[in-house]
Amino acid sequence: MLQVTLYSRPGCHLCDAVQLELEGLTAVFPHTLQIIDITRDRELHQKYAFTIPVVCVGEFELAAPIDRVMLLDLFARIDGSN
């Protein structure tokens, strides 16, 4: 099963939207979702403060803006490489 990491922060409406999209794609592309609050880690905050939401799956990373089509493309690329 794929491990998906969503870098986020509280109050980020774009992050919330991407989280909902990822949760909705679980039936099509089974995955576990780990949500990491960048405000709890100084290095992550410095790295992602201006690019959240950020979705990481393996070696692939998507940064804002992220939409459903981009997520579908990401999952299809990963699914096709297995």
Protein backbone atom coordinates (compact mmCIF):
# COMPACT_ATOMS: atom_id res chain seq x y z
CA MET A 1 0.00 0.00 0.00
CA LEU A 2 1.24 3.48 -0.83
CA GLN A 3 2.28 5.88 1.89
CA VAL A 4 1.22 9.46 1.12
CA THR A 5 2.50 12.37 3.16
CA LEU A 6 0.69 15.69 3.21
CA TYR A 7 2.62 18.63 4.61
CA SER A 8 0.12 21.09 5.99
CA ARG A 9 -0.60 23.62 8.69
CA PRO A 10 -3.71 24.54 10.68
CA GLY A 11 -6.01 27.01 8.98
CA CYS A 12 -4.74 26.27 5.46
CA HIS A 13 -7.85 25.94 3.28
CA LEU A 14 -5.78 24.67 0.33
CA CYS A 15 -4.36 21.94 2.57
CA ASP A 16 -7.86 20.97 3.70
CA ALA A 17 -9.02 20.72 0.09
CA VAL A 18 -6.09 18.49 -0.89
CA GLN A 19 -6.68 16.30 2.16
CA LEU A 20 -10.30 15.79 1.09
CA GLU A 21 -9.20 14.92 -2.46
CA LEU A 22 -6.65 12.41 -1.14
CA GLU A 23 -9.21 10.81 1.15
CA GLY A 24 -11.62 10.56 -1.79
CA LEU A 25 -9.01 8.79 -3.92
CA THR A 26 -8.39 6.04 -1.36
CA ALA A 27 -10.94 3.72 -2.98
CA VAL A 28 -9.34 4.09 -6.42
CA PHE A 29 -5.70 4.20 -5.30
CA PRO A 30 -5.42 2.55 -1.87
CA HIS A 31 -3.03 4.48 0.34
CA THR A 32 -2.39 5.55 3.87
CA LEU A 33 -2.29 9.26 4.53
CA GLN A 34 0.08 10.86 6.99
CA ILE A 35 -0.55 14.54 7.67
CA ILE A 36 2.38 16.50 9.03
CA ASP A 37 1.89 19.93 10.59
CA ILE A 38 4.88 21.96 9.45
CA THR A 39 4.43 24.46 12.29
CA ARG A 40 5.66 21.80 14.72
CA ASP A 41 9.06 21.46 13.09
CA ARG A 42 11.32 24.43 12.35
CA GLU A 43 13.11 22.78 9.42
CA LEU A 44 9.88 21.66 7.77
CA HIS A 45 8.39 25.10 8.29
CA GLN A 46 11.37 26.74 6.61
CA LYS A 47 11.27 24.23 3.76
CA TYR A 48 7.52 24.27 3.05
CA ALA A 49 6.14 27.52 4.49
CA PHE A 50 5.48 29.06 1.08
CA THR A 51 4.64 25.91 -0.88
CA ILE A 52 2.02 24.06 1.20
CA PRO A 53 0.16 21.96 0.66
CA VAL A 54 2.87 19.56 -0.40
CA VAL A 55 2.11 15.92 -1.22
CA CYS A 56 4.92 13.37 -1.21
CA VAL A 57 4.67 9.82 -2.47
CA GLY A 58 7.97 8.01 -2.70
CA GLU A 59 10.32 10.13 -4.78
CA PHE A 60 7.50 12.27 -6.17
CA GLU A 61 6.50 15.61 -4.68
CA LEU A 62 3.69 17.99 -5.61
CA ALA A 63 3.51 21.53 -4.27
CA ALA A 64 0.66 24.03 -4.32
CA PRO A 65 -1.42 24.58 -6.24
CA ILE A 66 -2.56 20.95 -6.35
CA ASP A 67 -5.79 19.78 -7.93
CA ARG A 68 -7.52 16.42 -8.43
CA VAL A 69 -6.10 15.97 -11.93
CA MET A 70 -2.56 16.39 -10.62
CA LEU A 71 -3.19 13.84 -7.86
CA LEU A 72 -4.70 11.35 -10.33
CA ASP A 73 -1.69 11.80 -12.59
CA LEU A 74 0.69 11.26 -9.67
CA PHE A 75 -1.05 8.06 -8.57
CA ALA A 76 -1.23 6.78 -12.15
CA ARG A 77 2.52 7.35 -12.62
CA ILE A 78 3.31 5.51 -9.42
CA ASP A 79 0.85 2.71 -10.20
CA GLY A 80 2.35 2.35 -13.67
CA SER A 81 5.89 2.10 -12.33
CA ASN A 82 5.09 -0.93 -10.16
